[in-house]
Amino acid sequence: MSSPLPYNRTGAYAVPRQVIASHLSEQQQQQHNSTAAFFGNLWPFLLIIPYGLAMGLQDISIRAACIVGLASSGALCSLGFALVLLQARRIWPYLFELALTGVFAVCLGLLYVDGGKWEQQVVWRSFTFIVNTAMAVLALVSILVRYPFTLQHIRESIPRASWRHPSVRPAAYWTTAFWVLTFTASSLLYLIPVAAQREYFISDRLNAAFRVAVPIALFLLADVFMLVFPHRIIAHLVVSNGFDTATDMKVNPLAR
């Protein structure tokens, strides 16, 4: 009677190469998933760097705020591309980082409109309002076109086989809607120092609070929400191999 597995020279069963390769491939895929999930969860917190720098520098120099915001968000885009090449990230570019980069680029361009007259009259006075309103509109548009911009971040944290699971898009809609509320709140709260006619006084408490501190705090709050909330809905998908993504099963009527 033949053995199911051949013996090797030591007398032990020799494991077929196909089994070893399959096991190694599965381990590599799990490691890839965990690495991508790590960067997917971390990345929204990195986006606070260009946003926070731009908000903080605007009262010192609006030109510096736009340049630093554009340069740092562009650097994050480049870093994301490098991570994709290193197979440490699966999705590039993120709509979120592209939107932030585009908004800072537009603000920098507005500084040179009409011979630079807009620098003080429009951009410096309304920088917080412009950035947050633009981001709120872009987030809302992504919901309306049925591709919420947090969908990419959520997919990054789960195996690729689970990307089409019915729980994924609702989580993305809720988190993107929270970003819309956050950016809208930052835009409207900026009107408090404007209504009090204190927006031109750099050291004024109302101006410092609602122009710099509150928007950064709200951005961080939305980051935490995007990290915590989706995992309450899709936690089971983090270790999924895709079997729970099936929504329609066809059974052979002849099977017994």
C-alpha atoms as a PDB file:
ATOM      1  CA  MET A   1       0.000   0.000   0.000  1.00  0.00           C
ATOM      2  CA  SER A   2       1.507   3.309  -1.081  1.00  0.00           C
ATOM      3  CA  SER A   3       1.964   6.205   1.286  1.00  0.00           C
ATOM      4  CA  PRO A   4      -0.142   9.364   0.623  1.00  0.00           C
ATOM      5  CA  LEU A   5       3.009  11.450   0.901  1.00  0.00           C
ATOM      6  CA  PRO A   6       6.515  10.453  -0.247  1.00  0.00           C
ATOM      7  CA  TYR A   7       9.267   9.961   2.331  1.00  0.00           C
ATOM      8  CA  ASN A   8      12.326  12.146   2.310  1.00  0.00           C
ATOM      9  CA  ARG A   9      15.846  11.014   3.151  1.00  0.00           C
ATOM     10  CA  THR A  10      15.292  11.307   6.904  1.00  0.00           C
ATOM     11  CA  GLY A  11      12.323   9.000   6.792  1.00  0.00           C
ATOM     12  CA  ALA A  12       9.788  11.775   7.491  1.00  0.00           C
ATOM     13  CA  TYR A  13       6.983  12.707   5.164  1.00  0.00           C
ATOM     14  CA  ALA A  14       8.043  15.191   2.502  1.00  0.00           C
ATOM     15  CA  VAL A  15       5.626  18.100   2.190  1.00  0.00           C
ATOM     16  CA  PRO A  16       4.903  18.880  -1.476  1.00  0.00           C
ATOM     17  CA  ARG A  17       6.394  22.133  -2.758  1.00  0.00           C
ATOM     18  CA  GLN A  18       2.958  23.334  -3.837  1.00  0.00           C
ATOM     19  CA  VAL A  19       1.715  23.162  -0.239  1.00  0.00           C
ATOM     20  CA  ILE A  20       4.742  25.072   1.039  1.00  0.00           C
ATOM     21  CA  ALA A  21       4.374  27.716  -1.691  1.00  0.00           C
ATOM     22  CA  SER A  22       0.672  28.089  -0.945  1.00  0.00           C
ATOM     23  CA  HIS A  23       1.357  28.479   2.782  1.00  0.00           C
ATOM     24  CA  LEU A  24       4.085  31.060   2.185  1.00  0.00           C
ATOM     25  CA  SER A  25       1.871  32.951  -0.255  1.00  0.00           C
ATOM     26  CA  GLU A  26      -0.908  33.039   2.328  1.00  0.00           C
ATOM     27  CA  GLN A  27       1.489  34.323   4.994  1.00  0.00           C
ATOM     28  CA  GLN A  28       2.792  37.025   2.648  1.00  0.00           C
ATOM     29  CA  GLN A  29      -0.749  38.092   1.810  1.00  0.00           C
ATOM     30  CA  GLN A  30      -1.644  38.353   5.501  1.00  0.00           C
ATOM     31  CA  GLN A  31       1.492  40.408   6.146  1.00  0.00           C
ATOM     32  CA  HIS A  32       0.656  42.646   3.181  1.00  0.00           C
ATOM     33  CA  ASN A  33      -2.894  43.120   4.493  1.00  0.00           C
ATOM     34  CA  SER A  34      -1.657  44.064   7.971  1.00  0.00           C
ATOM     35  CA  THR A  35       0.922  46.518   6.591  1.00  0.00           C
ATOM     36  CA  ALA A  36      -1.634  48.162   4.311  1.00  0.00           C
ATOM     37  CA  ALA A  37      -4.117  48.333   7.201  1.00  0.00           C
ATOM     38  CA  PHE A  38      -1.496  50.039   9.376  1.00  0.00           C
ATOM     39  CA  PHE A  39      -0.804  52.746   6.815  1.00  0.00           C
ATOM     40  CA  GLY A  40      -4.501  53.023   5.980  1.00  0.00           C
ATOM     41  CA  ASN A  41      -5.300  53.793   9.624  1.00  0.00           C
ATOM     42  CA  LEU A  42      -2.287  56.072  10.062  1.00  0.00           C
ATOM     43  CA  TRP A  43      -2.622  58.130   6.897  1.00  0.00           C
ATOM     44  CA  PRO A  44      -5.589  60.351   7.913  1.00  0.00           C
ATOM     45  CA  PHE A  45      -3.566  61.470  10.938  1.00  0.00           C
ATOM     46  CA  LEU A  46      -0.645  62.388   8.655  1.00  0.00           C
ATOM     47  CA  LEU A  47      -2.985  64.631   6.666  1.00  0.00           C
ATOM     48  CA  ILE A  48      -3.335  66.864   9.719  1.00  0.00           C
ATOM     49  CA  ILE A  49       0.297  67.932   9.154  1.00  0.00           C
ATOM     50  CA  PRO A  50      -0.297  70.047   6.003  1.00  0.00           C
ATOM     51  CA  TYR A  51      -3.697  71.185   7.263  1.00  0.00           C
ATOM     52  CA  GLY A  52      -2.398  72.181  10.710  1.00  0.00           C
ATOM     53  CA  LEU A  53       0.697  73.907   9.321  1.00  0.00           C
ATOM     54  CA  ALA A  54      -1.390  75.936   6.871  1.00  0.00           C
ATOM     55  CA  MET A  55      -3.911  76.951   9.525  1.00  0.00           C
ATOM     56  CA  GLY A  56      -1.167  77.879  11.988  1.00  0.00           C
ATOM     57  CA  LEU A  57       0.959  79.888   9.546  1.00  0.00           C
ATOM     58  CA  GLN A  58      -1.802  81.946   7.972  1.00  0.00           C
ATOM     59  CA  ASP A  59      -1.603  84.782  10.507  1.00  0.00           C
ATOM     60  CA  ILE A  60       2.180  84.959  10.153  1.00  0.00           C
ATOM     61  CA  SER A  61       2.300  84.821   6.356  1.00  0.00           C
ATOM     62  CA  ILE A  62      -0.515  83.697   4.118  1.00  0.00           C
ATOM     63  CA  ARG A  63       1.979  83.063   1.335  1.00  0.00           C
ATOM     64  CA  ALA A  64       3.990  80.765   3.611  1.00  0.00           C
ATOM     65  CA  ALA A  65       0.785  79.004   4.711  1.00  0.00           C
ATOM     66  CA  CYS A  66      -0.166  78.201   1.117  1.00  0.00           C
ATOM     67  CA  ILE A  67       3.344  77.124   0.093  1.00  0.00           C
ATOM     68  CA  VAL A  68       3.958  74.957   3.165  1.00  0.00           C
ATOM     69  CA  GLY A  69       0.467  73.429   2.942  1.00  0.00           C
ATOM     70  CA  LEU A  70       0.919  72.626  -0.752  1.00  0.00           C
ATOM     71  CA  ALA A  71       4.467  71.305  -0.312  1.00  0.00           C
ATOM     72  CA  SER A  72       3.657  69.074   2.676  1.00  0.00           C
ATOM     73  CA  SER A  73       0.464  67.643   1.141  1.00  0.00           C
ATOM     74  CA  GLY A  74       2.344  67.060  -2.109  1.00  0.00           C
ATOM     75  CA  ALA A  75       5.092  65.308  -0.142  1.00  0.00           C
ATOM     76  CA  LEU A  76       2.493  62.996   1.406  1.00  0.00           C
ATOM     77  CA  CYS A  77       1.214  62.147  -2.079  1.00  0.00           C
ATOM     78  CA  SER A  78       4.767  61.300  -3.156  1.00  0.00           C
ATOM     79  CA  LEU A  79       5.323  59.239  -0.003  1.00  0.00           C
ATOM     80  CA  GLY A  80       2.096  57.358  -0.712  1.00  0.00           C
ATOM     81  CA  PHE A  81       3.316  56.527  -4.226  1.00  0.00           C
ATOM     82  CA  ALA A  82       6.608  55.251  -2.806  1.00  0.00           C
ATOM     83  CA  LEU A  83       4.734  53.013  -0.363  1.00  0.00           C
ATOM     84  CA  VAL A  84       2.697  51.583  -3.243  1.00  0.00           C
ATOM     85  CA  LEU A  85       5.923  50.725  -5.069  1.00  0.00           C
ATOM     86  CA  LEU A  86       7.187  49.068  -1.876  1.00  0.00           C
ATOM     87  CA  GLN A  87       3.864  47.172  -1.610  1.00  0.00           C
ATOM     88  CA  ALA A  88       3.200  48.756   1.783  1.00  0.00           C
ATOM     89  CA  ARG A  89       0.051  50.434   0.478  1.00  0.00           C
ATOM     90  CA  ARG A  90      -2.497  49.201  -2.048  1.00  0.00           C
ATOM     91  CA  ILE A  91      -4.376  52.363  -3.095  1.00  0.00           C
ATOM     92  CA  TRP A  92      -2.887  55.500  -4.615  1.00  0.00           C
ATOM     93  CA  PRO A  93      -3.709  58.307  -4.743  1.00  0.00           C
ATOM     94  CA  TYR A  94      -6.248  58.984  -2.012  1.00  0.00           C
ATOM     95  CA  LEU A  95      -8.965  61.421  -3.053  1.00  0.00           C
ATOM     96  CA  PHE A  96      -8.618  63.097   0.351  1.00  0.00           C
ATOM     97  CA  GLU A  97      -4.942  63.994  -0.113  1.00  0.00           C
ATOM     98  CA  LEU A  98      -5.532  65.058  -3.723  1.00  0.00           C
ATOM     99  CA  ALA A  99      -8.366  67.348  -2.643  1.00  0.00           C
ATOM    100  CA  LEU A 100      -6.262  68.952   0.091  1.00  0.00           C
ATOM    101  CA  THR A 101      -3.341  69.437  -2.293  1.00  0.00           C
ATOM    102  CA  GLY A 102      -5.643  70.967  -4.906  1.00  0.00           C
ATOM    103  CA  VAL A 103      -7.223  73.393  -2.433  1.00  0.00           C
ATOM    104  CA  PHE A 104      -3.818  74.702  -1.297  1.00  0.00           C
ATOM    105  CA  ALA A 105      -2.728  75.025  -4.925  1.00  0.00           C
ATOM    106  CA  VAL A 106      -5.818  77.107  -5.738  1.00  0.00           C
ATOM    107  CA  CYS A 107      -5.259  79.335  -2.697  1.00  0.00           C
ATOM    108  CA  LEU A 108      -1.657  79.897  -3.760  1.00  0.00           C
ATOM    109  CA  GLY A 109      -2.820  80.795  -7.240  1.00  0.00           C
ATOM    110  CA  LEU A 110      -5.352  83.286  -5.870  1.00  0.00           C
ATOM    111  CA  LEU A 111      -2.496  85.240  -4.244  1.00  0.00           C
ATOM    112  CA  TYR A 112      -1.400  86.380  -7.711  1.00  0.00           C
ATOM    113  CA  VAL A 113      -4.829  87.330  -9.060  1.00  0.00           C
ATOM    114  CA  ASP A 114      -5.194  90.975 -10.092  1.00  0.00           C
ATOM    115  CA  GLY A 115      -1.558  91.758  -9.448  1.00  0.00           C
ATOM    116  CA  GLY A 116      -1.572  90.317  -5.938  1.00  0.00           C
ATOM    117  CA  LYS A 117      -4.452  92.468  -4.694  1.00  0.00           C
ATOM    118  CA  TRP A 118      -6.384  89.380  -3.564  1.00  0.00           C
ATOM    119  CA  GLU A 119      -3.626  88.363  -1.131  1.00  0.00           C
ATOM    120  CA  GLN A 120      -4.836  90.615   1.676  1.00  0.00           C
ATOM    121  CA  GLN A 121      -8.396  91.370   0.550  1.00  0.00           C
ATOM    122  CA  VAL A 122      -9.551  87.793  -0.069  1.00  0.00           C
ATOM    123  CA  VAL A 123      -7.107  85.003   0.706  1.00  0.00           C
ATOM    124  CA  TRP A 124      -5.598  86.205   3.987  1.00  0.00           C
ATOM    125  CA  ARG A 125      -8.930  87.372   5.383  1.00  0.00           C
ATOM    126  CA  SER A 126     -10.883  84.270   4.362  1.00  0.00           C
ATOM    127  CA  PHE A 127      -8.253  81.507   4.205  1.00  0.00           C
ATOM    128  CA  THR A 128      -9.905  79.318   6.872  1.00  0.00           C
ATOM    129  CA  PHE A 129     -13.295  79.796   5.256  1.00  0.00           C
ATOM    130  CA  ILE A 130     -11.996  79.052   1.738  1.00  0.00           C
ATOM    131  CA  VAL A 131     -10.101  75.866   2.672  1.00  0.00           C
ATOM    132  CA  ASN A 132     -12.819  74.332   4.836  1.00  0.00           C
ATOM    133  CA  THR A 133     -15.687  75.262   2.538  1.00  0.00           C
ATOM    134  CA  ALA A 134     -13.864  73.807  -0.468  1.00  0.00           C
ATOM    135  CA  MET A 135     -13.138  70.564   1.414  1.00  0.00           C
ATOM    136  CA  ALA A 136     -16.756  70.339   2.612  1.00  0.00           C
ATOM    137  CA  VAL A 137     -18.032  70.778  -0.960  1.00  0.00           C
ATOM    138  CA  LEU A 138     -15.609  68.186  -2.352  1.00  0.00           C
ATOM    139  CA  ALA A 139     -16.586  65.692   0.364  1.00  0.00           C
ATOM    140  CA  LEU A 140     -20.274  66.299  -0.352  1.00  0.00           C
ATOM    141  CA  VAL A 141     -19.750  65.871  -4.089  1.00  0.00           C
ATOM    142  CA  SER A 142     -18.000  62.542  -3.473  1.00  0.00           C
ATOM    143  CA  ILE A 143     -21.132  61.372  -1.631  1.00  0.00           C
ATOM    144  CA  LEU A 144     -23.417  62.596  -4.414  1.00  0.00           C
ATOM    145  CA  VAL A 145     -21.417  60.744  -7.084  1.00  0.00           C
ATOM    146  CA  ARG A 146     -21.616  57.648  -4.844  1.00  0.00           C
ATOM    147  CA  TYR A 147     -17.875  57.345  -4.253  1.00  0.00           C
ATOM    148  CA  PRO A 148     -17.289  58.811  -0.755  1.00  0.00           C
ATOM    149  CA  PHE A 149     -13.679  59.832  -0.401  1.00  0.00           C
ATOM    150  CA  THR A 150     -13.145  57.868   2.818  1.00  0.00           C
ATOM    151  CA  LEU A 151     -13.983  54.636   0.962  1.00  0.00           C
ATOM    152  CA  GLN A 152     -10.334  54.260  -0.042  1.00  0.00           C
ATOM    153  CA  HIS A 153      -9.113  54.547   3.558  1.00  0.00           C
ATOM    154  CA  ILE A 154     -11.625  51.955   4.755  1.00  0.00           C
ATOM    155  CA  ARG A 155     -10.730  49.531   1.979  1.00  0.00           C
ATOM    156  CA  GLU A 156      -7.073  49.909   2.851  1.00  0.00           C
ATOM    157  CA  SER A 157      -7.744  48.465   6.307  1.00  0.00           C
ATOM    158  CA  ILE A 158      -9.425  45.241   5.108  1.00  0.00           C
ATOM    159  CA  PRO A 159      -8.441  42.395   2.738  1.00  0.00           C
ATOM    160  CA  ARG A 160      -9.011  43.102  -0.948  1.00  0.00           C
ATOM    161  CA  ALA A 161     -11.471  40.186  -1.170  1.00  0.00           C
ATOM    162  CA  SER A 162     -13.797  42.043   1.221  1.00  0.00           C
ATOM    163  CA  TRP A 163     -13.833  45.402  -0.589  1.00  0.00           C
ATOM    164  CA  ARG A 164     -17.273  44.781  -2.103  1.00  0.00           C
ATOM    165  CA  HIS A 165     -18.868  43.627   1.137  1.00  0.00           C
ATOM    166  CA  PRO A 166     -22.255  45.350   1.743  1.00  0.00           C
ATOM    167  CA  SER A 167     -21.020  46.867   5.037  1.00  0.00           C
ATOM    168  CA  VAL A 168     -18.110  48.786   3.503  1.00  0.00           C
ATOM    169  CA  ARG A 169     -19.885  51.563   1.589  1.00  0.00           C
ATOM    170  CA  PRO A 170     -22.295  52.514   4.435  1.00  0.00           C
ATOM    171  CA  ALA A 171     -19.272  52.957   6.710  1.00  0.00           C
ATOM    172  CA  ALA A 172     -17.667  55.187   4.060  1.00  0.00           C
ATOM    173  CA  TYR A 173     -20.840  57.268   3.651  1.00  0.00           C
ATOM    174  CA  TRP A 174     -21.116  57.869   7.393  1.00  0.00           C
ATOM    175  CA  THR A 175     -17.468  58.852   7.821  1.00  0.00           C
ATOM    176  CA  THR A 176     -17.501  61.125   4.765  1.00  0.00           C
ATOM    177  CA  ALA A 177     -20.700  62.773   6.032  1.00  0.00           C
ATOM    178  CA  PHE A 178     -18.920  63.422   9.327  1.00  0.00           C
ATOM    179  CA  TRP A 179     -16.113  65.147   7.421  1.00  0.00           C
ATOM    180  CA  VAL A 180     -18.695  67.293   5.625  1.00  0.00           C
ATOM    181  CA  LEU A 181     -20.107  68.367   9.006  1.00  0.00           C
ATOM    182  CA  THR A 182     -16.611  68.989  10.382  1.00  0.00           C
ATOM    183  CA  PHE A 183     -15.453  71.188   7.515  1.00  0.00           C
ATOM    184  CA  THR A 184     -18.792  73.012   7.462  1.00  0.00           C
ATOM    185  CA  ALA A 185     -18.552  73.695  11.198  1.00  0.00           C
ATOM    186  CA  SER A 186     -15.014  75.079  10.784  1.00  0.00           C
ATOM    187  CA  SER A 187     -16.242  77.382   7.999  1.00  0.00           C
ATOM    188  CA  LEU A 188     -19.255  78.673   9.957  1.00  0.00           C
ATOM    189  CA  LEU A 189     -17.391  79.118  13.253  1.00  0.00           C
ATOM    190  CA  TYR A 190     -14.869  81.313  11.436  1.00  0.00           C
ATOM    191  CA  LEU A 191     -17.713  83.790  10.923  1.00  0.00           C
ATOM    192  CA  ILE A 192     -17.688  84.522  14.679  1.00  0.00           C
ATOM    193  CA  PRO A 193     -14.534  86.701  14.597  1.00  0.00           C
ATOM    194  CA  VAL A 194     -15.696  88.127  11.268  1.00  0.00           C
ATOM    195  CA  ALA A 195     -19.026  89.184  12.770  1.00  0.00           C
ATOM    196  CA  ALA A 196     -17.152  90.719  15.713  1.00  0.00           C
ATOM    197  CA  GLN A 197     -14.832  92.473  13.229  1.00  0.00           C
ATOM    198  CA  ARG A 198     -11.792  90.916  14.896  1.00  0.00           C
ATOM    199  CA  GLU A 199     -10.442  88.916  11.933  1.00  0.00           C
ATOM    200  CA  TYR A 200      -7.718  91.496  11.227  1.00  0.00           C
ATOM    201  CA  PHE A 201      -6.338  91.321  14.773  1.00  0.00           C
ATOM    202  CA  ILE A 202      -3.862  88.450  14.801  1.00  0.00           C
ATOM    203  CA  SER A 203      -3.486  88.237  18.589  1.00  0.00           C
ATOM    204  CA  ASP A 204      -7.216  88.461  19.289  1.00  0.00           C
ATOM    205  CA  ARG A 205      -8.569  85.437  21.189  1.00  0.00           C
ATOM    206  CA  LEU A 206     -11.606  85.004  18.957  1.00  0.00           C
ATOM    207  CA  ASN A 207      -9.455  85.133  15.858  1.00  0.00           C
ATOM    208  CA  ALA A 208      -6.847  82.684  17.184  1.00  0.00           C
ATOM    209  CA  ALA A 209      -9.491  80.277  18.454  1.00  0.00           C
ATOM    210  CA  PHE A 210     -11.892  80.082  15.512  1.00  0.00           C
ATOM    211  CA  ARG A 211      -9.375  80.672  12.761  1.00  0.00           C
ATOM    212  CA  VAL A 212      -6.639  78.288  13.926  1.00  0.00           C
ATOM    213  CA  ALA A 213      -7.284  76.183  17.034  1.00  0.00           C
ATOM    214  CA  VAL A 214     -10.888  75.052  16.468  1.00  0.00           C
ATOM    215  CA  PRO A 215     -10.414  73.919  12.827  1.00  0.00           C
ATOM    216  CA  ILE A 216      -7.352  71.854  13.797  1.00  0.00           C
ATOM    217  CA  ALA A 217      -9.207  70.315  16.764  1.00  0.00           C
ATOM    218  CA  LEU A 218     -12.203  69.444  14.573  1.00  0.00           C
ATOM    219  CA  PHE A 219      -9.931  67.919  11.930  1.00  0.00           C
ATOM    220  CA  LEU A 220      -8.357  65.713  14.611  1.00  0.00           C
ATOM    221  CA  LEU A 221     -11.823  64.753  15.892  1.00  0.00           C
ATOM    222  CA  ALA A 222     -12.864  63.664  12.388  1.00  0.00           C
ATOM    223  CA  ASP A 223      -9.623  61.668  12.100  1.00  0.00           C
ATOM    224  CA  VAL A 224     -10.463  59.772  15.285  1.00  0.00           C
ATOM    225  CA  PHE A 225     -14.041  59.193  14.100  1.00  0.00           C
ATOM    226  CA  MET A 226     -12.793  57.796  10.778  1.00  0.00           C
ATOM    227  CA  LEU A 227     -10.466  55.453  12.660  1.00  0.00           C
ATOM    228  CA  VAL A 228     -12.957  54.218  15.289  1.00  0.00           C
ATOM    229  CA  PHE A 229     -16.431  54.241  13.710  1.00  0.00           C
ATOM    230  CA  PRO A 230     -15.892  52.045  10.603  1.00  0.00           C
ATOM    231  CA  HIS A 231     -14.338  49.275  12.688  1.00  0.00           C
ATOM    232  CA  ARG A 232     -17.533  48.992  14.675  1.00  0.00           C
ATOM    233  CA  ILE A 233     -19.236  47.997  11.406  1.00  0.00           C
ATOM    234  CA  ILE A 234     -16.537  46.106   9.510  1.00  0.00           C
ATOM    235  CA  ALA A 235     -14.401  44.648  12.306  1.00  0.00           C
ATOM    236  CA  HIS A 236     -15.230  41.118  11.132  1.00  0.00           C
ATOM    237  CA  LEU A 237     -13.802  41.908   7.694  1.00  0.00           C
ATOM    238  CA  VAL A 238     -10.327  42.719   8.985  1.00  0.00           C
ATOM    239  CA  VAL A 239      -9.569  39.001   9.304  1.00  0.00           C
ATOM    240  CA  SER A 240     -11.895  37.951   6.480  1.00  0.00           C
ATOM    241  CA  ASN A 241     -10.693  35.944   3.525  1.00  0.00           C
ATOM    242  CA  GLY A 242     -13.570  37.060   1.401  1.00  0.00           C
ATOM    243  CA  PHE A 243     -16.014  34.182   2.015  1.00  0.00           C
ATOM    244  CA  ASP A 244     -18.461  36.524   3.719  1.00  0.00           C
ATOM    245  CA  THR A 245     -18.602  38.773   0.657  1.00  0.00           C
ATOM    246  CA  ALA A 246     -20.927  36.425  -1.165  1.00  0.00           C
ATOM    247  CA  THR A 247     -24.400  37.907  -1.411  1.00  0.00           C
ATOM    248  CA  ASP A 248     -25.946  35.448  -3.864  1.00  0.00           C
ATOM    249  CA  MET A 249     -25.430  31.691  -3.749  1.00  0.00           C
ATOM    250  CA  LYS A 250     -26.601  29.334  -6.482  1.00  0.00           C
ATOM    251  CA  VAL A 251     -27.165  25.730  -5.531  1.00  0.00           C
ATOM    252  CA  ASN A 252     -27.145  22.909  -8.049  1.00  0.00           C
ATOM    253  CA  PRO A 253     -30.716  21.549  -7.999  1.00  0.00           C
ATOM    254  CA  LEU A 254     -29.366  18.081  -8.795  1.00  0.00           C
ATOM    255  CA  ALA A 255     -27.123  18.055  -5.746  1.00  0.00           C
ATOM    256  CA  ARG A 256     -28.315  15.921  -2.846  1.00  0.00           C
END
